[in-house]
């Protein structure tokens, strides 16, 4: 009995650490799910705008150039909307078609988006269509 009591404080610490670790893992999983849902929602909004542009102009978007606004909050890390290597497969998954995705050139950024700082999504200003290219500035 003394042996069991001697190790009891260690077991309680182990259970505490295990419980906290489990809680944080579940919390991170929920946050990842929320982030994925938000990114998928935005991708669907972009696709809707692309389809609307095609109906109006008869042109098919083949290329998407992305950038972030001048005050984009990356404190939480990059997400699928701000990095080319994640944005491209996300759009392909949502749309079922391929796009060429690249980062916007500095001169194009200055023409379209310099000095803009959005706090929410505004498709009339953040999405610009030119021929077969869509320019997107993520806030």
Foldseek 3Di string as FASTA:
>chain_A
DVVCVVCVVVVVVVVVVVVVVVVVVVVVVVVVVVQVVVLLVVLVVVVVVQVVCCVVPVFHAAEEAEEAAPDDDCVVHDDLRHDQVNVQVSNCVNPVDGHHYYHDDPVVCVVQHHPDDDPDDDCVRQWDDDGNYIYGYHD
